[in-house]
Amino acid sequence: MASVKTILIVDDDREIVQGLRLVLEGLGYHVLTAHDGAAGISLAHSGRPDLVIVDMMMPKKSGFLVLDDLKSKDARFPKIVMMTANEGSRHRAYAEMLGVDDYLRKPFAMDRFLECVERLAPLNPGDTPA
């Protein structure tokens, strides 16, 4: 039996976290959550998710610090998506330099989000809920 994919969502906006969690769990993913960058880093290292979705602007540690920590410590670390309401192109360029796998600007269309998740952490046929 295939193991279910795990996604970690790191965002200080609890409504966004809850909404994304409900959608992803409905598709069959196991979802972990953290509400600040420091907790996100800790949970990422202990939970070893298949995909990390991280907000850029958060308390304790920014999404950039989370991205830098996860990508610099272990080249095999999971795929990472950064999401932000920031319109600046230099922030995207910096995230790409740090190794982000995708970048979403809030608000984003749910189909764009799901396409990103499916591309970076595709479910196995046995992973979907009955």
Protein backbone atom coordinates (compact mmCIF):
# COMPACT_ATOMS: atom_id res chain seq x y z
CA MET A 1 0.00 0.00 0.00
CA ALA A 2 1.35 3.43 -0.97
CA SER A 3 1.90 6.00 1.74
CA VAL A 4 -0.18 9.14 1.59
CA LYS A 5 1.67 12.32 0.63
CA THR A 6 2.19 14.88 3.39
CA ILE A 7 1.96 18.63 2.84
CA LEU A 8 3.06 21.23 5.38
CA ILE A 9 1.31 24.61 5.25
CA VAL A 10 3.14 27.46 7.03
CA ASP A 11 1.14 30.69 7.22
CA ASP A 12 0.14 33.03 10.04
CA ASP A 13 -3.32 33.57 8.49
CA ARG A 14 -5.38 30.83 10.15
CA GLU A 15 -8.26 31.18 7.67
CA ILE A 16 -5.97 30.52 4.71
CA VAL A 17 -4.41 27.56 6.51
CA GLN A 18 -7.82 26.09 7.35
CA GLY A 19 -9.17 26.57 3.83
CA LEU A 20 -6.16 24.99 2.14
CA ARG A 21 -6.11 22.19 4.70
CA LEU A 22 -9.75 21.27 4.03
CA VAL A 23 -9.21 21.20 0.27
CA LEU A 24 -6.02 19.14 0.46
CA GLU A 25 -7.37 16.65 3.00
CA GLY A 26 -10.46 16.23 0.82
CA LEU A 27 -8.17 15.17 -2.01
CA GLY A 28 -6.39 12.62 0.17
CA TYR A 29 -3.30 14.46 1.40
CA HIS A 30 -2.11 14.35 5.00
CA VAL A 31 -1.71 17.99 6.10
CA LEU A 32 0.52 19.47 8.79
CA THR A 33 0.27 23.15 9.76
CA ALA A 34 2.39 25.80 11.44
CA HIS A 35 1.55 29.45 12.05
CA ASP A 36 5.03 30.98 12.10
CA GLY A 37 8.33 30.37 10.36
CA ALA A 38 10.20 28.95 13.35
CA ALA A 39 7.50 26.34 14.00
CA GLY A 40 7.38 25.60 10.28
CA ILE A 41 11.10 24.83 10.13
CA SER A 42 10.88 22.58 13.18
CA LEU A 43 7.86 20.71 11.82
CA ALA A 44 9.43 20.37 8.38
CA HIS A 45 12.52 18.72 9.83
CA SER A 46 10.58 16.39 12.11
CA GLY A 47 7.66 15.61 9.80
CA ARG A 48 9.60 15.32 6.50
CA PRO A 49 6.67 16.45 4.29
CA ASP A 50 6.60 15.84 0.55
CA LEU A 51 5.69 19.49 -0.09
CA VAL A 52 5.95 22.69 1.96
CA ILE A 53 3.68 25.64 1.21
CA VAL A 54 5.00 28.74 2.97
CA ASP A 55 3.85 32.34 3.20
CA MET A 56 6.48 35.01 2.60
CA MET A 57 5.63 37.38 5.47
CA MET A 58 5.25 35.73 8.89
CA PRO A 59 6.26 36.25 12.50
CA LYS A 60 9.42 34.77 14.03
CA LYS A 61 10.96 33.75 10.69
CA SER A 62 9.96 34.90 7.23
CA GLY A 63 9.19 32.57 4.37
CA PHE A 64 12.59 33.45 2.92
CA LEU A 65 14.32 32.19 6.08
CA VAL A 66 12.21 29.02 6.02
CA LEU A 67 13.05 28.46 2.35
CA ASP A 68 16.75 29.13 2.91
CA ASP A 69 16.91 26.80 5.92
CA LEU A 70 15.13 23.92 4.23
CA LYS A 71 16.91 24.14 0.89
CA SER A 72 20.40 24.72 2.31
CA LYS A 73 20.44 21.93 4.91
CA ASP A 74 19.49 19.02 2.69
CA ALA A 75 19.42 18.92 -1.09
CA ARG A 76 16.85 16.12 -0.91
CA PHE A 77 14.43 18.31 1.00
CA PRO A 78 10.90 18.47 -0.36
CA LYS A 79 9.53 20.81 -2.94
CA ILE A 80 8.61 24.25 -1.63
CA VAL A 81 5.95 26.69 -2.82
CA MET A 82 6.03 30.29 -1.60
CA MET A 83 2.82 32.30 -1.52
CA THR A 84 2.51 36.04 -0.96
CA ALA A 85 0.33 39.06 -1.47
CA ASN A 86 3.46 41.04 -2.34
CA GLU A 87 3.55 42.28 -5.93
CA GLY A 88 7.30 42.93 -6.10
CA SER A 89 9.22 41.00 -8.77
CA ARG A 90 12.49 41.22 -6.83
CA HIS A 91 10.94 39.10 -4.06
CA ARG A 92 10.10 36.41 -6.60
CA ALA A 93 13.62 36.58 -8.01
CA TYR A 94 15.09 36.20 -4.50
CA ALA A 95 12.82 33.21 -3.77
CA GLU A 96 13.90 31.61 -7.04
CA MET A 97 17.55 32.22 -6.17
CA LEU A 98 16.96 30.39 -2.86
CA GLY A 99 15.49 27.42 -4.74
CA VAL A 100 11.70 27.80 -4.50
CA ASP A 101 9.87 25.34 -6.76
CA ASP A 102 6.84 27.56 -7.41
CA TYR A 103 5.59 30.99 -6.41
CA LEU A 104 1.93 31.96 -5.99
CA ARG A 105 0.59 35.48 -5.62
CA LYS A 106 -2.39 35.87 -3.27
CA PRO A 107 -5.19 35.81 -3.97
CA PHE A 108 -4.68 32.88 -6.31
CA ALA A 109 -7.22 30.78 -8.15
CA MET A 110 -7.80 27.43 -6.48
CA ASP A 111 -7.27 25.59 -9.78
CA ARG A 112 -3.81 27.22 -10.08
CA PHE A 113 -3.01 26.14 -6.51
CA LEU A 114 -4.18 22.57 -7.10
CA GLU A 115 -2.25 22.31 -10.38
CA CYS A 116 0.88 23.38 -8.51
CA VAL A 117 0.30 20.84 -5.72
CA GLU A 118 -0.45 18.00 -8.15
CA ARG A 119 2.69 18.76 -10.17
CA LEU A 120 4.98 18.91 -7.14
CA ALA A 121 3.41 16.22 -4.92
CA PRO A 122 1.22 14.00 -7.11
CA LEU A 123 -1.04 11.56 -5.34
CA ASN A 124 -0.69 7.87 -6.03
CA PRO A 125 -3.90 6.13 -7.22
CA GLY A 126 -4.41 4.49 -3.82
CA ASP A 127 -4.06 7.81 -1.95
CA THR A 128 -7.44 9.30 -2.80
CA PRO A 129 -10.23 9.03 -0.22
CA ALA A 130 -12.96 6.44 -0.76
